[in-house]
Amino acid sequence: MEFENRQLLRVYMGEQAKYHHRPLYEAVIAEAKERGIAGATVFKGILSYGMSGTLRTTKIFELSQSLPIVIEIMDTQEQIEKFLPVVEDLAAESGAHVYVTLEEIRSTVILPGK
């Protein structure tokens, strides 16, 4: 099995974050696809807290208005470096609190029947 060096960009936000009346996570994914990013996935959390210390959960109706969203975006270092300013611009224009992490990974694809 051969692995390649890649980068994994994670973007954390609340599900209520909007960009021009649509969810911010949808705007990020649309831009990633348009720019030819290798892959991106959105995850919706069921329990979290952040810098504010506010607990967000699916269990308590009053606290479930903005569940956590995590977008994972994987590609080469060059592609991710080009895409980071796009994420920054979308987040800034949305006015949402967004947290971003970046890490080096090694990845491979396992195809059926190989």
PDB file of N, CA and C in Angstrom:
ATOM      1  N   MET A   1       0.851  -1.168   0.000  1.00  0.00           N
ATOM      2  CA  MET A   1       0.000   0.000   0.000  1.00  0.00           C
ATOM      3  C   MET A   1       0.898   1.233   0.000  1.00  0.00           C
ATOM      4  N   GLU A   2       0.632   2.152  -0.899  1.00  0.00           N
ATOM      5  CA  GLU A   2       1.442   3.364  -0.988  1.00  0.00           C
ATOM      6  C   GLU A   2       0.660   4.564  -0.472  1.00  0.00           C
ATOM      7  N   PHE A   3       1.294   5.302   0.424  1.00  0.00           N
ATOM      8  CA  PHE A   3       0.679   6.487   1.001  1.00  0.00           C
ATOM      9  C   PHE A   3       1.304   7.734   0.393  1.00  0.00           C
ATOM     10  N   GLU A   4       0.505   8.788   0.286  1.00  0.00           N
ATOM     11  CA  GLU A   4       0.975  10.080  -0.211  1.00  0.00           C
ATOM     12  C   GLU A   4       0.837  11.123   0.887  1.00  0.00           C
ATOM     13  N   ASN A   5       1.727  12.106   0.867  1.00  0.00           N
ATOM     14  CA  ASN A   5       1.631  13.213   1.812  1.00  0.00           C
ATOM     15  C   ASN A   5       0.497  14.146   1.389  1.00  0.00           C
ATOM     16  N   ARG A   6      -0.329  14.476   2.352  1.00  0.00           N
ATOM     17  CA  ARG A   6      -1.460  15.369   2.125  1.00  0.00           C
ATOM     18  C   ARG A   6      -1.607  16.284   3.330  1.00  0.00           C
ATOM     19  N   GLN A   7      -2.528  17.226   3.222  1.00  0.00           N
ATOM     20  CA  GLN A   7      -2.886  18.047   4.373  1.00  0.00           C
ATOM     21  C   GLN A   7      -4.373  17.888   4.637  1.00  0.00           C
ATOM     22  N   LEU A   8      -4.710  17.956   5.917  1.00  0.00           N
ATOM     23  CA  LEU A   8      -6.100  17.884   6.350  1.00  0.00           C
ATOM     24  C   LEU A   8      -6.458  19.205   7.014  1.00  0.00           C
ATOM     25  N   LEU A   9      -7.394  19.898   6.415  1.00  0.00           N
ATOM     26  CA  LEU A   9      -7.889  21.169   6.927  1.00  0.00           C
ATOM     27  C   LEU A   9      -9.226  20.896   7.605  1.00  0.00           C
ATOM     28  N   ARG A  10      -9.351  21.314   8.856  1.00  0.00           N
ATOM     29  CA  ARG A  10     -10.625  21.182   9.569  1.00  0.00           C
ATOM     30  C   ARG A  10     -11.149  22.579   9.879  1.00  0.00           C
ATOM     31  N   VAL A  11     -12.429  22.767   9.613  1.00  0.00           N
ATOM     32  CA  VAL A  11     -13.084  24.042   9.863  1.00  0.00           C
ATOM     33  C   VAL A  11     -14.260  23.773  10.797  1.00  0.00           C
ATOM     34  N   TYR A  12     -14.235  24.404  11.976  1.00  0.00           N
ATOM     35  CA  TYR A  12     -15.267  24.226  12.994  1.00  0.00           C
ATOM     36  C   TYR A  12     -16.152  25.465  13.033  1.00  0.00           C
ATOM     37  N   MET A  13     -17.463  25.244  13.141  1.00  0.00           N
ATOM     38  CA  MET A  13     -18.415  26.353  13.223  1.00  0.00           C
ATOM     39  C   MET A  13     -19.718  25.839  13.806  1.00  0.00           C
ATOM     40  N   GLY A  14     -20.611  26.747  14.120  1.00  0.00           N
ATOM     41  CA  GLY A  14     -21.962  26.368  14.526  1.00  0.00           C
ATOM     42  C   GLY A  14     -22.833  26.187  13.303  1.00  0.00           C
ATOM     43  N   GLU A  15     -23.826  25.333  13.408  1.00  0.00           N
ATOM     44  CA  GLU A  15     -24.682  25.069  12.245  1.00  0.00           C
ATOM     45  C   GLU A  15     -25.500  26.287  11.824  1.00  0.00           C
ATOM     46  N   GLN A  16     -25.651  27.267  12.698  1.00  0.00           N
ATOM     47  CA  GLN A  16     -26.422  28.459  12.363  1.00  0.00           C
ATOM     48  C   GLN A  16     -25.603  29.511  11.606  1.00  0.00           C
ATOM     49  N   ALA A  17     -24.307  29.277  11.427  1.00  0.00           N
ATOM     50  CA  ALA A  17     -23.466  30.228  10.691  1.00  0.00           C
ATOM     51  C   ALA A  17     -23.957  30.335   9.249  1.00  0.00           C
ATOM     52  N   LYS A  18     -24.194  31.566   8.818  1.00  0.00           N
ATOM     53  CA  LYS A  18     -24.745  31.800   7.482  1.00  0.00           C
ATOM     54  C   LYS A  18     -23.794  32.614   6.619  1.00  0.00           C
ATOM     55  N   TYR A  19     -23.873  32.347   5.316  1.00  0.00           N
ATOM     56  CA  TYR A  19     -23.165  33.127   4.311  1.00  0.00           C
ATOM     57  C   TYR A  19     -24.205  33.471   3.239  1.00  0.00           C
ATOM     58  N   HIS A  20     -24.610  34.714   3.185  1.00  0.00           N
ATOM     59  CA  HIS A  20     -25.637  35.159   2.229  1.00  0.00           C
ATOM     60  C   HIS A  20     -26.876  34.266   2.284  1.00  0.00           C
ATOM     61  N   HIS A  21     -27.442  34.105   3.437  1.00  0.00           N
ATOM     62  CA  HIS A  21     -28.700  33.391   3.658  1.00  0.00           C
ATOM     63  C   HIS A  21     -28.632  31.886   3.399  1.00  0.00           C
ATOM     64  N   ARG A  22     -27.433  31.321   3.308  1.00  0.00           N
ATOM     65  CA  ARG A  22     -27.306  29.865   3.199  1.00  0.00           C
ATOM     66  C   ARG A  22     -26.305  29.414   4.242  1.00  0.00           C
ATOM     67  N   PRO A  23     -26.347  28.160   4.640  1.00  0.00           N
ATOM     68  CA  PRO A  23     -25.386  27.707   5.647  1.00  0.00           C
ATOM     69  C   PRO A  23     -23.943  27.926   5.181  1.00  0.00           C
ATOM     70  N   LEU A  24     -23.118  28.425   6.085  1.00  0.00           N
ATOM     71  CA  LEU A  24     -21.715  28.673   5.758  1.00  0.00           C
ATOM     72  C   LEU A  24     -21.018  27.401   5.304  1.00  0.00           C
ATOM     73  N   TYR A  25     -21.349  26.268   5.943  1.00  0.00           N
ATOM     74  CA  TYR A  25     -20.696  25.017   5.552  1.00  0.00           C
ATOM     75  C   TYR A  25     -21.003  24.648   4.098  1.00  0.00           C
ATOM     76  N   GLU A  26     -22.199  24.967   3.619  1.00  0.00           N
ATOM     77  CA  GLU A  26     -22.526  24.714   2.209  1.00  0.00           C
ATOM     78  C   GLU A  26     -21.689  25.590   1.290  1.00  0.00           C
ATOM     79  N   ALA A  27     -21.490  26.839   1.680  1.00  0.00           N
ATOM     80  CA  ALA A  27     -20.678  27.754   0.872  1.00  0.00           C
ATOM     81  C   ALA A  27     -19.230  27.274   0.805  1.00  0.00           C
ATOM     82  N   VAL A  28     -18.693  26.802   1.931  1.00  0.00           N
ATOM     83  CA  VAL A  28     -17.313  26.297   1.953  1.00  0.00           C
ATOM     84  C   VAL A  28     -17.185  25.077   1.040  1.00  0.00           C
ATOM     85  N   ILE A  29     -18.120  24.148   1.142  1.00  0.00           N
ATOM     86  CA  ILE A  29     -18.075  22.942   0.302  1.00  0.00           C
ATOM     87  C   ILE A  29     -18.209  23.300  -1.173  1.00  0.00           C
ATOM     88  N   ALA A  30     -19.115  24.207  -1.509  1.00  0.00           N
ATOM     89  CA  ALA A  30     -19.297  24.618  -2.905  1.00  0.00           C
ATOM     90  C   ALA A  30     -18.013  25.218  -3.465  1.00  0.00           C
ATOM     91  N   GLU A  31     -17.352  26.069  -2.669  1.00  0.00           N
ATOM     92  CA  GLU A  31     -16.088  26.674  -3.115  1.00  0.00           C
ATOM     93  C   GLU A  31     -14.998  25.612  -3.268  1.00  0.00           C
ATOM     94  N   ALA A  32     -14.944  24.653  -2.349  1.00  0.00           N
ATOM     95  CA  ALA A  32     -13.944  23.583  -2.436  1.00  0.00           C
ATOM     96  C   ALA A  32     -14.131  22.784  -3.724  1.00  0.00           C
ATOM     97  N   LYS A  33     -15.369  22.438  -4.017  1.00  0.00           N
ATOM     98  CA  LYS A  33     -15.658  21.667  -5.236  1.00  0.00           C
ATOM     99  C   LYS A  33     -15.319  22.470  -6.478  1.00  0.00           C
ATOM    100  N   GLU A  34     -15.722  23.738  -6.487  1.00  0.00           N
ATOM    101  CA  GLU A  34     -15.459  24.599  -7.641  1.00  0.00           C
ATOM    102  C   GLU A  34     -13.956  24.758  -7.908  1.00  0.00           C
ATOM    103  N   ARG A  35     -13.171  24.747  -6.845  1.00  0.00           N
ATOM    104  CA  ARG A  35     -11.723  24.945  -6.976  1.00  0.00           C
ATOM    105  C   ARG A  35     -10.952  23.648  -7.140  1.00  0.00           C
ATOM    106  N   GLY A  36     -11.659  22.527  -7.281  1.00  0.00           N
ATOM    107  CA  GLY A  36     -11.006  21.248  -7.570  1.00  0.00           C
ATOM    108  C   GLY A  36     -10.332  20.581  -6.384  1.00  0.00           C
ATOM    109  N   ILE A  37     -10.772  20.896  -5.172  1.00  0.00           N
ATOM    110  CA  ILE A  37     -10.216  20.251  -3.979  1.00  0.00           C
ATOM    111  C   ILE A  37     -10.547  18.763  -4.033  1.00  0.00           C
ATOM    112  N   ALA A  38      -9.596  17.928  -3.620  1.00  0.00           N
ATOM    113  CA  ALA A  38      -9.730  16.473  -3.749  1.00  0.00           C
ATOM    114  C   ALA A  38     -10.930  15.910  -2.998  1.00  0.00           C
ATOM    115  N   GLY A  39     -11.185  16.395  -1.788  1.00  0.00           N
ATOM    116  CA  GLY A  39     -12.312  15.853  -1.029  1.00  0.00           C
ATOM    117  C   GLY A  39     -12.675  16.716   0.156  1.00  0.00           C
ATOM    118  N   ALA A  40     -13.968  16.722   0.485  1.00  0.00           N
ATOM    119  CA  ALA A  40     -14.453  17.485   1.631  1.00  0.00           C
ATOM    120  C   ALA A  40     -15.697  16.802   2.182  1.00  0.00           C
ATOM    121  N   THR A  41     -15.812  16.788   3.507  1.00  0.00           N
ATOM    122  CA  THR A  41     -16.957  16.169   4.182  1.00  0.00           C
ATOM    123  C   THR A  41     -17.395  17.061   5.330  1.00  0.00           C
ATOM    124  N   VAL A  42     -18.705  17.155   5.534  1.00  0.00           N
ATOM    125  CA  VAL A  42     -19.262  17.912   6.645  1.00  0.00           C
ATOM    126  C   VAL A  42     -19.812  16.928   7.669  1.00  0.00           C
ATOM    127  N   PHE A  43     -19.441  17.147   8.931  1.00  0.00           N
ATOM    128  CA  PHE A  43     -19.934  16.346  10.043  1.00  0.00           C
ATOM    129  C   PHE A  43     -20.739  17.245  10.972  1.00  0.00           C
ATOM    130  N   LYS A  44     -21.846  16.722  11.481  1.00  0.00           N
ATOM    131  CA  LYS A  44     -22.652  17.453  12.455  1.00  0.00           C
ATOM    132  C   LYS A  44     -22.461  16.788  13.812  1.00  0.00           C
ATOM    133  N   GLY A  45     -22.029  17.583  14.786  1.00  0.00           N
ATOM    134  CA  GLY A  45     -21.781  17.054  16.114  1.00  0.00           C
ATOM    135  C   GLY A  45     -23.049  16.886  16.922  1.00  0.00           C
ATOM    136  N   ILE A  46     -22.972  16.038  17.941  1.00  0.00           N
ATOM    137  CA  ILE A  46     -24.120  15.838  18.821  1.00  0.00           C
ATOM    138  C   ILE A  46     -23.895  16.423  20.207  1.00  0.00           C
ATOM    139  N   LEU A  47     -22.643  16.777  20.503  1.00  0.00           N
ATOM    140  CA  LEU A  47     -22.340  17.362  21.808  1.00  0.00           C
ATOM    141  C   LEU A  47     -21.020  18.108  21.702  1.00  0.00           C
ATOM    142  N   SER A  48     -20.998  19.351  22.209  1.00  0.00           N
ATOM    143  CA  SER A  48     -19.749  20.118  22.169  1.00  0.00           C
ATOM    144  C   SER A  48     -19.805  21.294  23.125  1.00  0.00           C
ATOM    145  N   TYR A  49     -18.641  21.898  23.329  1.00  0.00           N
ATOM    146  CA  TYR A  49     -18.530  23.215  23.940  1.00  0.00           C
ATOM    147  C   TYR A  49     -17.264  23.823  23.390  1.00  0.00           C
ATOM    148  N   GLY A  50     -17.190  25.135  23.431  1.00  0.00           N
ATOM    149  CA  GLY A  50     -16.029  25.826  22.897  1.00  0.00           C
ATOM    150  C   GLY A  50     -15.520  26.849  23.876  1.00  0.00           C
ATOM    151  N   MET A  51     -14.927  27.921  23.343  1.00  0.00           N
ATOM    152  CA  MET A  51     -14.311  28.940  24.181  1.00  0.00           C
ATOM    153  C   MET A  51     -15.304  29.609  25.118  1.00  0.00           C
ATOM    154  N   SER A  52     -16.557  29.698  24.705  1.00  0.00           N
ATOM    155  CA  SER A  52     -17.564  30.333  25.561  1.00  0.00           C
ATOM    156  C   SER A  52     -17.959  29.440  26.728  1.00  0.00           C
ATOM    157  N   GLY A  53     -17.682  28.152  26.625  1.00  0.00           N
ATOM    158  CA  GLY A  53     -18.063  27.208  27.667  1.00  0.00           C
ATOM    159  C   GLY A  53     -19.510  26.766  27.575  1.00  0.00           C
ATOM    160  N   THR A  54     -20.238  27.265  26.580  1.00  0.00           N
ATOM    161  CA  THR A  54     -21.639  26.903  26.413  1.00  0.00           C
ATOM    162  C   THR A  54     -21.753  25.488  25.869  1.00  0.00           C
ATOM    163  N   LEU A  55     -22.501  24.654  26.568  1.00  0.00           N
ATOM    164  CA  LEU A  55     -22.725  23.280  26.132  1.00  0.00           C
ATOM    165  C   LEU A  55     -23.771  23.259  25.027  1.00  0.00           C
ATOM    166  N   ARG A  56     -23.461  22.571  23.951  1.00  0.00           N
ATOM    167  CA  ARG A  56     -24.398  22.421  22.842  1.00  0.00           C
ATOM    168  C   ARG A  56     -24.628  20.922  22.665  1.00  0.00           C
ATOM    169  N   THR A  57     -25.892  20.541  22.663  1.00  0.00           N
ATOM    170  CA  THR A  57     -26.217  19.124  22.604  1.00  0.00           C
ATOM    171  C   THR A  57     -27.547  18.895  21.913  1.00  0.00           C
ATOM    172  N   THR A  58     -27.736  17.699  21.390  1.00  0.00           N
ATOM    173  CA  THR A  58     -29.010  17.325  20.788  1.00  0.00           C
ATOM    174  C   THR A  58     -29.995  16.877  21.857  1.00  0.00           C
ATOM    175  N   LYS A  59     -29.536  16.699  23.090  1.00  0.00           N
ATOM    176  CA  LYS A  59     -30.392  16.167  24.148  1.00  0.00           C
ATOM    177  C   LYS A  59     -31.265  17.219  24.816  1.00  0.00           C
ATOM    178  N   ILE A  60     -30.825  18.463  24.839  1.00  0.00           N
ATOM    179  CA  ILE A  60     -31.568  19.514  25.522  1.00  0.00           C
ATOM    180  C   ILE A  60     -32.041  20.509  24.478  1.00  0.00           C
ATOM    181  N   PHE A  61     -33.334  20.575  24.260  1.00  0.00           N
ATOM    182  CA  PHE A  61     -33.885  21.390  23.180  1.00  0.00           C
ATOM    183  C   PHE A  61     -33.391  22.831  23.210  1.00  0.00           C
ATOM    184  N   GLU A  62     -33.349  23.442  24.375  1.00  0.00           N
ATOM    185  CA  GLU A  62     -32.972  24.848  24.460  1.00  0.00           C
ATOM    186  C   GLU A  62     -31.528  25.104  24.019  1.00  0.00           C
ATOM    187  N   LEU A  63     -30.659  24.122  24.155  1.00  0.00           N
ATOM    188  CA  LEU A  63     -29.253  24.310  23.816  1.00  0.00           C
ATOM    189  C   LEU A  63     -28.904  23.793  22.423  1.00  0.00           C
ATOM    190  N   SER A  64     -29.869  23.253  21.710  1.00  0.00           N
ATOM    191  CA  SER A  64     -29.562  22.590  20.446  1.00  0.00           C
ATOM    192  C   SER A  64     -29.743  23.494  19.227  1.00  0.00           C
ATOM    193  N   GLN A  65     -29.809  24.794  19.427  1.00  0.00           N
ATOM    194  CA  GLN A  65     -30.068  25.683  18.305  1.00  0.00           C
ATOM    195  C   GLN A  65     -28.865  25.876  17.386  1.00  0.00           C
ATOM    196  N   SER A  66     -27.664  25.586  17.854  1.00  0.00           N
ATOM    197  CA  SER A  66     -26.496  25.719  16.990  1.00  0.00           C
ATOM    198  C   SER A  66     -25.507  24.607  17.297  1.00  0.00           C
ATOM    199  N   LEU A  67     -25.821  23.439  16.783  1.00  0.00           N
ATOM    200  CA  LEU A  67     -24.941  22.291  16.987  1.00  0.00           C
ATOM    201  C   LEU A  67     -23.634  22.495  16.224  1.00  0.00           C
ATOM    202  N   PRO A  68     -22.584  21.807  16.659  1.00  0.00           N
ATOM    203  CA  PRO A  68     -21.291  21.982  16.000  1.00  0.00           C
ATOM    204  C   PRO A  68     -21.257  21.338  14.615  1.00  0.00           C
ATOM    205  N   ILE A  69     -20.570  22.010  13.724  1.00  0.00           N
ATOM    206  CA  ILE A  69     -20.309  21.508  12.376  1.00  0.00           C
ATOM    207  C   ILE A  69     -18.796  21.466  12.196  1.00  0.00           C
ATOM    208  N   VAL A  70     -18.306  20.360  11.648  1.00  0.00           N
ATOM    209  CA  VAL A  70     -16.888  20.232  11.322  1.00  0.00           C
ATOM    210  C   VAL A  70     -16.790  19.871   9.851  1.00  0.00           C
ATOM    211  N   ILE A  71     -16.005  20.631   9.123  1.00  0.00           N
ATOM    212  CA  ILE A  71     -15.729  20.321   7.717  1.00  0.00           C
ATOM    213  C   ILE A  71     -14.302  19.806   7.641  1.00  0.00           C
ATOM    214  N   GLU A  72     -14.122  18.637   7.047  1.00  0.00           N
ATOM    215  CA  GLU A  72     -12.777  18.119   6.796  1.00  0.00           C
ATOM    216  C   GLU A  72     -12.505  18.208   5.308  1.00  0.00           C
ATOM    217  N   ILE A  73     -11.370  18.810   4.975  1.00  0.00           N
ATOM    218  CA  ILE A  73     -10.974  19.023   3.588  1.00  0.00           C
ATOM    219  C   ILE A  73      -9.570  18.467   3.418  1.00  0.00           C
ATOM    220  N   MET A  74      -9.398  17.574   2.446  1.00  0.00           N
ATOM    221  CA  MET A  74      -8.102  16.939   2.247  1.00  0.00           C
ATOM    222  C   MET A  74      -7.599  17.171   0.825  1.00  0.00           C
ATOM    223  N   ASP A  75      -6.330  17.538   0.719  1.00  0.00           N
ATOM    224  CA  ASP A  75      -5.698  17.699  -0.590  1.00  0.00           C
ATOM    225  C   ASP A  75      -4.199  17.892  -0.390  1.00  0.00           C
ATOM    226  N   THR A  76      -3.512  18.242  -1.460  1.00  0.00           N
ATOM    227  CA  THR A  76      -2.082  18.511  -1.383  1.00  0.00           C
ATOM    228  C   THR A  76      -1.848  19.817  -0.628  1.00  0.00           C
ATOM    229  N   GLN A  77      -0.629  20.008  -0.164  1.00  0.00           N
ATOM    230  CA  GLN A  77      -0.280  21.238   0.540  1.00  0.00           C
ATOM    231  C   GLN A  77      -0.542  22.450  -0.339  1.00  0.00           C
ATOM    232  N   GLU A  78      -0.202  22.366  -1.602  1.00  0.00           N
ATOM    233  CA  GLU A  78      -0.391  23.495  -2.518  1.00  0.00           C
ATOM    234  C   GLU A  78      -1.867  23.865  -2.655  1.00  0.00           C
ATOM    235  N   GLN A  79      -2.716  22.868  -2.829  1.00  0.00           N
ATOM    236  CA  GLN A  79      -4.148  23.131  -2.976  1.00  0.00           C
ATOM    237  C   GLN A  79      -4.751  23.716  -1.701  1.00  0.00           C
ATOM    238  N   ILE A  80      -4.345  23.166  -0.559  1.00  0.00           N
ATOM    239  CA  ILE A  80      -4.864  23.657   0.719  1.00  0.00           C
ATOM    240  C   ILE A  80      -4.395  25.097   0.954  1.00  0.00           C
ATOM    241  N   GLU A  81      -3.133  25.391   0.658  1.00  0.00           N
ATOM    242  CA  GLU A  81      -2.616  26.756   0.837  1.00  0.00           C
ATOM    243  C   GLU A  81      -3.381  27.755  -0.024  1.00  0.00           C
ATOM    244  N   LYS A  82      -3.779  27.349  -1.227  1.00  0.00           N
ATOM    245  CA  LYS A  82      -4.577  28.223  -2.086  1.00  0.00           C
ATOM    246  C   LYS A  82      -5.994  28.401  -1.543  1.00  0.00           C
ATOM    247  N   PHE A  83      -6.494  27.355  -0.876  1.00  0.00           N
ATOM    248  CA  PHE A  83      -7.878  27.388  -0.410  1.00  0.00           C
ATOM    249  C   PHE A  83      -8.056  28.100   0.934  1.00  0.00           C
ATOM    250  N   LEU A  84      -7.023  28.163   1.744  1.00  0.00           N
ATOM    251  CA  LEU A  84      -7.131  28.805   3.065  1.00  0.00           C
ATOM    252  C   LEU A  84      -7.649  30.244   3.006  1.00  0.00           C
ATOM    253  N   PRO A  85      -7.165  31.087   2.081  1.00  0.00           N
ATOM    254  CA  PRO A  85      -7.711  32.452   2.014  1.00  0.00           C
ATOM    255  C   PRO A  85      -9.196  32.486   1.652  1.00  0.00           C
ATOM    256  N   VAL A  86      -9.661  31.502   0.897  1.00  0.00           N
ATOM    257  CA  VAL A  86     -11.077  31.417   0.548  1.00  0.00           C
ATOM    258  C   VAL A  86     -11.898  31.170   1.812  1.00  0.00           C
ATOM    259  N   VAL A  87     -11.442  30.221   2.637  1.00  0.00           N
ATOM    260  CA  VAL A  87     -12.125  29.923   3.902  1.00  0.00           C
ATOM    261  C   VAL A  87     -12.123  31.164   4.786  1.00  0.00           C
ATOM    262  N   GLU A  88     -10.988  31.832   4.858  1.00  0.00           N
ATOM    263  CA  GLU A  88     -10.877  33.035   5.684  1.00  0.00           C
ATOM    264  C   GLU A  88     -11.851  34.118   5.216  1.00  0.00           C
ATOM    265  N   ASP A  89     -11.940  34.324   3.910  1.00  0.00           N
ATOM    266  CA  ASP A  89     -12.844  35.344   3.370  1.00  0.00           C
ATOM    267  C   ASP A  89     -14.310  34.996   3.634  1.00  0.00           C
ATOM    268  N   LEU A  90     -14.677  33.731   3.421  1.00  0.00           N
ATOM    269  CA  LEU A  90     -16.058  33.308   3.669  1.00  0.00           C
ATOM    270  C   LEU A  90     -16.427  33.495   5.143  1.00  0.00           C
ATOM    271  N   ALA A  91     -15.521  33.087   6.029  1.00  0.00           N
ATOM    272  CA  ALA A  91     -15.776  33.216   7.464  1.00  0.00           C
ATOM    273  C   ALA A  91     -15.889  34.682   7.866  1.00  0.00           C
ATOM    274  N   ALA A  92     -14.971  35.511   7.376  1.00  0.00           N
ATOM    275  CA  ALA A  92     -14.989  36.931   7.725  1.00  0.00           C
ATOM    276  C   ALA A  92     -16.274  37.595   7.236  1.00  0.00           C
ATOM    277  N   GLU A  93     -16.665  37.294   6.015  1.00  0.00           N
ATOM    278  CA  GLU A  93     -17.871  37.918   5.467  1.00  0.00           C
ATOM    279  C   GLU A  93     -19.135  37.426   6.170  1.00  0.00           C
ATOM    280  N   SER A  94     -19.111  36.187   6.645  1.00  0.00           N
ATOM    281  CA  SER A  94     -20.288  35.648   7.340  1.00  0.00           C
ATOM    282  C   SER A  94     -20.432  36.235   8.741  1.00  0.00           C
ATOM    283  N   GLY A  95     -19.326  36.663   9.320  1.00  0.00           N
ATOM    284  CA  GLY A  95     -19.341  37.171  10.679  1.00  0.00           C
ATOM    285  C   GLY A  95     -19.408  36.078  11.734  1.00  0.00           C
ATOM    286  N   ALA A  96     -19.269  34.838  11.309  1.00  0.00           N
ATOM    287  CA  ALA A  96     -19.370  33.698  12.218  1.00  0.00           C
ATOM    288  C   ALA A  96     -18.055  33.446  12.943  1.00  0.00           C
ATOM    289  N   HIS A  97     -18.168  32.850  14.117  1.00  0.00           N
ATOM    290  CA  HIS A  97     -16.993  32.401  14.868  1.00  0.00           C
ATOM    291  C   HIS A  97     -16.571  31.076  14.233  1.00  0.00           C
ATOM    292  N   VAL A  98     -15.386  31.046  13.640  1.00  0.00           N
ATOM    293  CA  VAL A  98     -14.881  29.865  12.943  1.00  0.00           C
ATOM    294  C   VAL A  98     -13.499  29.542  13.478  1.00  0.00           C
ATOM    295  N   TYR A  99     -13.251  28.264  13.713  1.00  0.00           N
ATOM    296  CA  TYR A  99     -11.959  27.791  14.208  1.00  0.00           C
ATOM    297  C   TYR A  99     -11.392  26.861  13.152  1.00  0.00           C
ATOM    298  N   VAL A 100     -10.112  27.025  12.809  1.00  0.00           N
ATOM    299  CA  VAL A 100      -9.492  26.262  11.731  1.00  0.00           C
ATOM    300  C   VAL A 100      -8.247  25.549  12.242  1.00  0.00           C
ATOM    301  N   THR A 101      -8.094  24.279  11.857  1.00  0.00           N
ATOM    302  CA  THR A 101      -6.862  23.540  12.159  1.00  0.00           C
ATOM    303  C   THR A 101      -6.312  22.966  10.866  1.00  0.00           C
ATOM    304  N   LEU A 102      -5.020  22.692  10.877  1.00  0.00           N
ATOM    305  CA  LEU A 102      -4.344  22.145   9.705  1.00  0.00           C
ATOM    306  C   LEU A 102      -3.321  21.137  10.182  1.00  0.00           C
ATOM    307  N   GLU A 103      -3.298  19.976   9.543  1.00  0.00           N
ATOM    308  CA  GLU A 103      -2.305  18.976   9.923  1.00  0.00           C
ATOM    309  C   GLU A 103      -1.811  18.200   8.713  1.00  0.00           C
ATOM    310  N   GLU A 104      -0.588  17.725   8.834  1.00  0.00           N
ATOM    311  CA  GLU A 104       0.011  16.878   7.807  1.00  0.00           C
ATOM    312  C   GLU A 104      -0.508  15.462   8.008  1.00  0.00           C
ATOM    313  N   ILE A 105      -0.910  14.825   6.910  1.00  0.00           N
ATOM    314  CA  ILE A 105      -1.361  13.439   6.987  1.00  0.00           C
ATOM    315  C   ILE A 105      -0.738  12.635   5.856  1.00  0.00           C
ATOM    316  N   ARG A 106      -0.853  11.339   5.956  1.00  0.00           N
ATOM    317  CA  ARG A 106      -0.487  10.449   4.856  1.00  0.00           C
ATOM    318  C   ARG A 106      -1.733   9.667   4.519  1.00  0.00           C
ATOM    319  N   SER A 107      -2.083   9.595   3.251  1.00  0.00           N
ATOM    320  CA  SER A 107      -3.329   8.951   2.866  1.00  0.00           C
ATOM    321  C   SER A 107      -3.139   8.042   1.655  1.00  0.00           C
ATOM    322  N   THR A 108      -4.072   7.126   1.508  1.00  0.00           N
ATOM    323  CA  THR A 108      -4.120   6.261   0.343  1.00  0.00           C
ATOM    324  C   THR A 108      -5.575   5.930   0.066  1.00  0.00           C
ATOM    325  N   VAL A 109      -5.825   5.415  -1.099  1.00  0.00           N
ATOM    326  CA  VAL A 109      -7.165   4.978  -1.474  1.00  0.00           C
ATOM    327  C   VAL A 109      -7.128   3.471  -1.651  1.00  0.00           C
ATOM    328  N   ILE A 110      -8.086   2.787  -1.069  1.00  0.00           N
ATOM    329  CA  ILE A 110      -8.203   1.340  -1.235  1.00  0.00           C
ATOM    330  C   ILE A 110      -9.398   1.091  -2.147  1.00  0.00           C
ATOM    331  N   LEU A 111      -9.140   0.552  -3.313  1.00  0.00           N
ATOM    332  CA  LEU A 111     -10.199   0.311  -4.290  1.00  0.00           C
ATOM    333  C   LEU A 111     -10.708  -1.115  -4.164  1.00  0.00           C
ATOM    334  N   PRO A 112     -11.996  -1.310  -4.336  1.00  0.00           N
ATOM    335  CA  PRO A 112     -12.554  -2.669  -4.277  1.00  0.00           C
ATOM    336  C   PRO A 112     -11.912  -3.580  -5.323  1.00  0.00           C
ATOM    337  N   GLY A 113     -11.633  -4.815  -4.945  1.00  0.00           N
ATOM    338  CA  GLY A 113     -11.094  -5.783  -5.895  1.00  0.00           C
ATOM    339  C   GLY A 113      -9.618  -5.637  -6.176  1.00  0.00           C
ATOM    340  N   LYS A 114      -8.926  -4.806  -5.447  1.00  0.00           N
ATOM    341  CA  LYS A 114      -7.478  -4.609  -5.695  1.00  0.00           C
ATOM    342  C   LYS A 114      -6.669  -5.260  -4.603  1.00  0.00           C
TER     343      LYS A 114
END
